[in-house]
């Protein structure tokens, strides 16, 4: 099974999803992110989905749940690069994504994580 690489940058984790995901990969990614947070003590996770044209309801729920679980481990999750069509689909599906922090791009996502870490 393919795995999505998780890079550690300072006290954050960077996950750049560059391939279409099926349920097993996104589930494994969620477990890998939580394991990396636990192992490294990362304070934040930036998940970039700019390469994805489609996000289905399972993937959206899994990303939301990952954010909640990461919060329990003391890390904040920011999702970046949501394409307009993906945003429209997520709203049309009526998914509750409250608690998910988003940003337009990776730079903005890191700024948000740094502000949160600094307590601003």
Foldseek 3Di string as FASTA:
>chain_A
DDEFDWDDDPLEIETEDQDDDDPVRLVVNLVVVLVCCVVRVRAEYEYEDQNDPEDDPSSLVSVLVSQVSVVVSNHHYEYENQDPNHVVVCVVVVDDSPSYHYDHDDVVVVVVRVCVVVVD
